[in-house]
C-alpha atoms as a PDB file:
ATOM      1  CA  UNK A   1     129.050 134.932 104.875  1.00  0.00           C
ATOM      2  CA  UNK A   2     129.017 131.313 104.438  1.00  0.00           C
ATOM      3  CA  UNK A   3     125.930 129.643 103.122  1.00  0.00           C
ATOM      4  CA  UNK A   4     125.136 126.095 104.240  1.00  0.00           C
ATOM      5  CA  UNK A   5     123.429 124.098 101.575  1.00  0.00           C
ATOM      6  CA  UNK A   6     121.605 121.035 102.479  1.00  0.00           C
ATOM      7  CA  UNK A   7     120.977 118.631  99.562  1.00  0.00           C
ATOM      8  CA  UNK A   8     117.499 117.444  99.142  1.00  0.00           C
ATOM      9  CA  UNK A   9     118.684 114.373  97.268  1.00  0.00           C
ATOM     10  CA  UNK A  10     118.168 111.092  99.213  1.00  0.00           C
ATOM     11  CA  UNK A  11     121.304 109.462 100.209  1.00  0.00           C
ATOM     12  CA  UNK A  12     122.076 105.618  99.853  1.00  0.00           C
ATOM     13  CA  UNK A  13     119.170 103.387 100.926  1.00  0.00           C
ATOM     14  CA  UNK A  14     116.681 106.232 101.096  1.00  0.00           C
ATOM     15  CA  UNK A  15     116.823 106.399  97.305  1.00  0.00           C
ATOM     16  CA  UNK A  16     114.779 103.273  96.946  1.00  0.00           C
ATOM     17  CA  UNK A  17     111.680 104.862  98.702  1.00  0.00           C
ATOM     18  CA  UNK A  18     112.163 108.375  97.420  1.00  0.00           C
ATOM     19  CA  UNK A  19     110.237 108.078  94.446  1.00  0.00           C
ATOM     20  CA  UNK A  20     107.224 107.005  96.553  1.00  0.00           C
ATOM     21  CA  UNK A  21     107.203 110.423  98.446  1.00  0.00           C
ATOM     22  CA  UNK A  22     105.551 112.468  95.830  1.00  0.00           C
ATOM     23  CA  UNK A  23     101.646 112.419  95.571  1.00  0.00           C
ATOM     24  CA  UNK A  24     100.852 109.044  94.138  1.00  0.00           C
ATOM     25  CA  UNK A  25      97.504 108.126  92.517  1.00  0.00           C
ATOM     26  CA  UNK A  26      96.387 105.440  94.857  1.00  0.00           C
ATOM     27  CA  UNK A  27      93.648 104.257  92.370  1.00  0.00           C
ATOM     28  CA  UNK A  28      96.533 102.795  90.370  1.00  0.00           C
ATOM     29  CA  UNK A  29      97.555 100.519  93.257  1.00  0.00           C
ATOM     30  CA  UNK A  30      94.004  99.108  93.844  1.00  0.00           C
ATOM     31  CA  UNK A  31      94.022  96.369  91.303  1.00  0.00           C
ATOM     32  CA  UNK A  32      97.376  95.176  92.375  1.00  0.00           C
ATOM     33  CA  UNK A  33      96.553  95.143  96.005  1.00  0.00           C
ATOM     34  CA  UNK A  34      93.321  93.295  95.265  1.00  0.00           C
ATOM     35  CA  UNK A  35      95.169  90.643  93.302  1.00  0.00           C
ATOM     36  CA  UNK A  36      98.016  90.411  96.178  1.00  0.00           C
ATOM     37  CA  UNK A  37      95.331  89.729  98.888  1.00  0.00           C
ATOM     38  CA  UNK A  38      93.360  87.201  96.920  1.00  0.00           C
ATOM     39  CA  UNK A  39      96.381  85.219  96.032  1.00  0.00           C
ATOM     40  CA  UNK A  40      97.667  85.137  99.560  1.00  0.00           C
ATOM     41  CA  UNK A  41      94.263  84.158 100.808  1.00  0.00           C
ATOM     42  CA  UNK A  42      93.997  81.403  98.320  1.00  0.00           C
ATOM     43  CA  UNK A  43      97.364  80.005  99.079  1.00  0.00           C
ATOM     44  CA  UNK A  44      96.780  80.139 102.862  1.00  0.00           C
ATOM     45  CA  UNK A  45      93.062  79.521 103.601  1.00  0.00           C
ATOM     46  CA  UNK A  46      93.732  78.018 106.982  1.00  0.00           C
ATOM     47  CA  UNK A  47      95.256  81.263 108.226  1.00  0.00           C
ATOM     48  CA  UNK A  48      91.788  82.755 108.649  1.00  0.00           C
ATOM     49  CA  UNK A  49      90.983  80.353 111.436  1.00  0.00           C
ATOM     50  CA  UNK A  50      93.560  82.139 113.764  1.00  0.00           C
ATOM     51  CA  UNK A  51      91.754  85.403 113.604  1.00  0.00           C
ATOM     52  CA  UNK A  52      88.873  84.392 115.426  1.00  0.00           C
ATOM     53  CA  UNK A  53      86.508  87.240 115.997  1.00  0.00           C
ATOM     54  CA  UNK A  54      88.760  89.609 114.157  1.00  0.00           C
ATOM     55  CA  UNK A  55      88.280  88.106 110.683  1.00  0.00           C
ATOM     56  CA  UNK A  56      85.948  91.091 109.843  1.00  0.00           C
ATOM     57  CA  UNK A  57      88.091  93.670 111.602  1.00  0.00           C
ATOM     58  CA  UNK A  58      89.689  96.620 109.687  1.00  0.00           C
ATOM     59  CA  UNK A  59      93.389  97.094 110.129  1.00  0.00           C
ATOM     60  CA  UNK A  60      95.341 100.052 109.143  1.00  0.00           C
ATOM     61  CA  UNK A  61      98.781  99.140 108.123  1.00  0.00           C
ATOM     62  CA  UNK A  62     100.814 102.403 107.893  1.00  0.00           C
ATOM     63  CA  UNK A  63     104.172 102.321 106.289  1.00  0.00           C
ATOM     64  CA  UNK A  64     105.234 105.831 107.467  1.00  0.00           C
ATOM     65  CA  UNK A  65     107.578 106.428 104.750  1.00  0.00           C
ATOM     66  CA  UNK A  66     105.264 106.016 101.872  1.00  0.00           C
ATOM     67  CA  UNK A  67     102.524 108.589 100.989  1.00  0.00           C
ATOM     68  CA  UNK A  68      99.745 106.280 101.719  1.00  0.00           C
ATOM     69  CA  UNK A  69      98.463 103.795 104.364  1.00  0.00           C
ATOM     70  CA  UNK A  70      96.758 100.409 103.574  1.00  0.00           C
ATOM     71  CA  UNK A  71      93.359  99.196 104.769  1.00  0.00           C
ATOM     72  CA  UNK A  72      93.250  95.457 105.376  1.00  0.00           C
ATOM     73  CA  UNK A  73      90.091  93.474 106.132  1.00  0.00           C
ATOM     74  CA  UNK A  74      91.164  89.689 106.418  1.00  0.00           C
ATOM     75  CA  UNK A  75      87.560  88.412 105.825  1.00  0.00           C
ATOM     76  CA  UNK A  76      87.788  85.552 103.449  1.00  0.00           C
ATOM     77  CA  UNK A  77      84.247  86.352 102.386  1.00  0.00           C
ATOM     78  CA  UNK A  78      84.869  89.922 101.881  1.00  0.00           C
ATOM     79  CA  UNK A  79      88.661  90.570 101.459  1.00  0.00           C
ATOM     80  CA  UNK A  80      90.003  94.053 101.252  1.00  0.00           C
ATOM     81  CA  UNK A  81      93.297  95.547 100.759  1.00  0.00           C
ATOM     82  CA  UNK A  82      93.380  99.214  99.578  1.00  0.00           C
ATOM     83  CA  UNK A  83      95.530 102.187  99.634  1.00  0.00           C
ATOM     84  CA  UNK A  84      94.064 105.053 101.534  1.00  0.00           C
ATOM     85  CA  UNK A  85      94.888 108.538 102.576  1.00  0.00           C
ATOM     86  CA  UNK A  86      96.621 108.610 106.221  1.00  0.00           C
ATOM     87  CA  UNK A  87      94.985 111.968 106.820  1.00  0.00           C
ATOM     88  CA  UNK A  88      91.488 110.483 106.451  1.00  0.00           C
ATOM     89  CA  UNK A  89      91.744 106.945 107.563  1.00  0.00           C
ATOM     90  CA  UNK A  90      88.431 104.755 107.409  1.00  0.00           C
ATOM     91  CA  UNK A  91      87.248 103.195 110.566  1.00  0.00           C
ATOM     92  CA  UNK A  92      89.474 100.525 111.857  1.00  0.00           C
ATOM     93  CA  UNK A  93      90.031  98.416 114.936  1.00  0.00           C
ATOM     94  CA  UNK A  94      93.788  98.658 114.965  1.00  0.00           C
ATOM     95  CA  UNK A  95      96.711 100.475 113.350  1.00  0.00           C
ATOM     96  CA  UNK A  96     100.206  99.167 112.825  1.00  0.00           C
ATOM     97  CA  UNK A  97     102.700 101.884 111.795  1.00  0.00           C
ATOM     98  CA  UNK A  98     106.293 101.686 110.790  1.00  0.00           C
ATOM     99  CA  UNK A  99     108.834 101.993 108.105  1.00  0.00           C
ATOM    100  CA  UNK A 100     107.896 100.079 104.997  1.00  0.00           C
ATOM    101  CA  UNK A 101     110.961  97.888 105.073  1.00  0.00           C
ATOM    102  CA  UNK A 102     110.401  97.004 108.912  1.00  0.00           C
ATOM    103  CA  UNK A 103     106.788  96.100 108.059  1.00  0.00           C
ATOM    104  CA  UNK A 104     107.777  93.898 105.024  1.00  0.00           C
ATOM    105  CA  UNK A 105     110.120  92.011 107.124  1.00  0.00           C
ATOM    106  CA  UNK A 106     107.743  91.795 110.034  1.00  0.00           C
ATOM    107  CA  UNK A 107     105.139  90.073 107.596  1.00  0.00           C
ATOM    108  CA  UNK A 108     107.680  87.569 106.742  1.00  0.00           C
ATOM    109  CA  UNK A 109     108.615  86.936 110.342  1.00  0.00           C
ATOM    110  CA  UNK A 110     112.377  88.120 109.534  1.00  0.00           C
ATOM    111  CA  UNK A 111     111.970  90.715 112.313  1.00  0.00           C
ATOM    112  CA  UNK A 112     110.659  90.315 115.931  1.00  0.00           C
ATOM    113  CA  UNK A 113     107.501  92.397 116.434  1.00  0.00           C
ATOM    114  CA  UNK A 114     108.120  92.787 120.228  1.00  0.00           C
ATOM    115  CA  UNK A 115     111.772  94.048 119.497  1.00  0.00           C
ATOM    116  CA  UNK A 116     110.464  96.615 116.964  1.00  0.00           C
ATOM    117  CA  UNK A 117     107.646  97.841 119.392  1.00  0.00           C
ATOM    118  CA  UNK A 118     109.893  98.334 122.289  1.00  0.00           C
ATOM    119  CA  UNK A 119     112.559  99.926 120.137  1.00  0.00           C
ATOM    120  CA  UNK A 120     109.712 102.262 118.951  1.00  0.00           C
ATOM    121  CA  UNK A 121     110.151 101.409 115.369  1.00  0.00           C
ATOM    122  CA  UNK A 122     106.799  99.806 115.298  1.00  0.00           C
ATOM    123  CA  UNK A 123     103.638 101.688 116.797  1.00  0.00           C
ATOM    124  CA  UNK A 124     100.403  99.751 117.470  1.00  0.00           C
ATOM    125  CA  UNK A 125      97.287 101.642 118.292  1.00  0.00           C
ATOM    126  CA  UNK A 126      93.708 100.364 118.847  1.00  0.00           C
ATOM    127  CA  UNK A 127      92.719  96.831 119.671  1.00  0.00           C
ATOM    128  CA  UNK A 128      96.204  94.940 120.377  1.00  0.00           C
ATOM    129  CA  UNK A 129      94.316  91.643 120.717  1.00  0.00           C
ATOM    130  CA  UNK A 130      93.082  91.945 117.153  1.00  0.00           C
ATOM    131  CA  UNK A 131      96.819  92.741 116.127  1.00  0.00           C
ATOM    132  CA  UNK A 132      97.999  89.614 117.998  1.00  0.00           C
ATOM    133  CA  UNK A 133      95.439  87.445 116.251  1.00  0.00           C
ATOM    134  CA  UNK A 134      96.600  88.974 112.867  1.00  0.00           C
ATOM    135  CA  UNK A 135     100.182  88.265 113.812  1.00  0.00           C
ATOM    136  CA  UNK A 136      99.311  84.536 114.686  1.00  0.00           C
ATOM    137  CA  UNK A 137      97.570  84.308 111.478  1.00  0.00           C
ATOM    138  CA  UNK A 138     100.634  85.496 109.596  1.00  0.00           C
ATOM    139  CA  UNK A 139     102.863  83.038 111.539  1.00  0.00           C
ATOM    140  CA  UNK A 140     100.699  80.194 110.151  1.00  0.00           C
ATOM    141  CA  UNK A 141     101.576  81.149 106.492  1.00  0.00           C
ATOM    142  CA  UNK A 142     104.136  78.680 104.989  1.00  0.00           C
ATOM    143  CA  UNK A 143     106.981  80.365 103.160  1.00  0.00           C
ATOM    144  CA  UNK A 144     107.481  83.918 102.499  1.00  0.00           C
ATOM    145  CA  UNK A 145     104.425  86.394 101.724  1.00  0.00           C
ATOM    146  CA  UNK A 146     106.870  88.793 100.163  1.00  0.00           C
ATOM    147  CA  UNK A 147     108.254  86.027  97.808  1.00  0.00           C
ATOM    148  CA  UNK A 148     104.856  85.009  96.914  1.00  0.00           C
ATOM    149  CA  UNK A 149     103.855  88.545  95.986  1.00  0.00           C
ATOM    150  CA  UNK A 150     107.285  89.020  94.149  1.00  0.00           C
ATOM    151  CA  UNK A 151     106.625  85.809  92.215  1.00  0.00           C
ATOM    152  CA  UNK A 152     103.223  87.215  90.844  1.00  0.00           C
ATOM    153  CA  UNK A 153     105.276  89.815  89.029  1.00  0.00           C
ATOM    154  CA  UNK A 154     107.897  87.434  87.544  1.00  0.00           C
ATOM    155  CA  UNK A 155     111.547  88.486  87.422  1.00  0.00           C
ATOM    156  CA  UNK A 156     110.852  92.084  87.865  1.00  0.00           C
ATOM    157  CA  UNK A 157     108.967  91.458  90.973  1.00  0.00           C
ATOM    158  CA  UNK A 158     111.720  89.215  92.466  1.00  0.00           C
ATOM    159  CA  UNK A 159     114.303  91.896  91.377  1.00  0.00           C
ATOM    160  CA  UNK A 160     112.489  94.629  93.267  1.00  0.00           C
ATOM    161  CA  UNK A 161     112.150  92.438  96.438  1.00  0.00           C
ATOM    162  CA  UNK A 162     115.904  91.637  96.337  1.00  0.00           C
ATOM    163  CA  UNK A 163     116.721  95.497  96.219  1.00  0.00           C
ATOM    164  CA  UNK A 164     114.321  96.182  99.078  1.00  0.00           C
ATOM    165  CA  UNK A 165     115.692  93.308 101.243  1.00  0.00           C
ATOM    166  CA  UNK A 166     119.406  94.598 100.667  1.00  0.00           C
ATOM    167  CA  UNK A 167     118.218  98.138 101.472  1.00  0.00           C
ATOM    168  CA  UNK A 168     116.775  96.594 104.681  1.00  0.00           C
ATOM    169  CA  UNK A 169     119.932  94.881 105.431  1.00  0.00           C
ATOM    170  CA  UNK A 170     121.906  98.099 104.941  1.00  0.00           C
ATOM    171  CA  UNK A 171     119.565  99.886 107.401  1.00  0.00           C
ATOM    172  CA  UNK A 172     120.446  97.302 110.018  1.00  0.00           C
ATOM    173  CA  UNK A 173     124.149  97.879 109.693  1.00  0.00           C
END
């Protein structure tokens, strides 16, 4: 009798995110996420004007291939970006779900959100008007949010961003 063996080792581009699949202590991310959201807000104070009534809305950003989701409140007076358990999400007005690399490219306007949505690579639930306002606010950001965040961590951050972008390009091929 022949046995079929399926390797549990990730292949190619999946190796990049495989390390994040194990249980991860989210509290380790909180100071980094707080630093990221404050820097982006400080560099782009005008983006909050595009949020209109949704400045104080809670958005869940769910990178489906990571072991946590993110809660974003883009209120310049009460900024919040925290990792949270996707099985017990806090109250939110909208949720944006997709693979991490797609979300990263979406934030930097490298991918078309409509195309991702209609190809079912991006799922939006809740208040879609709030999501459109958030998208418009991100469109107002000069430069790359991902590069700005990578620069916060020096050469190591830029190296990680380069690896992630190459993995994203290989996914497209």
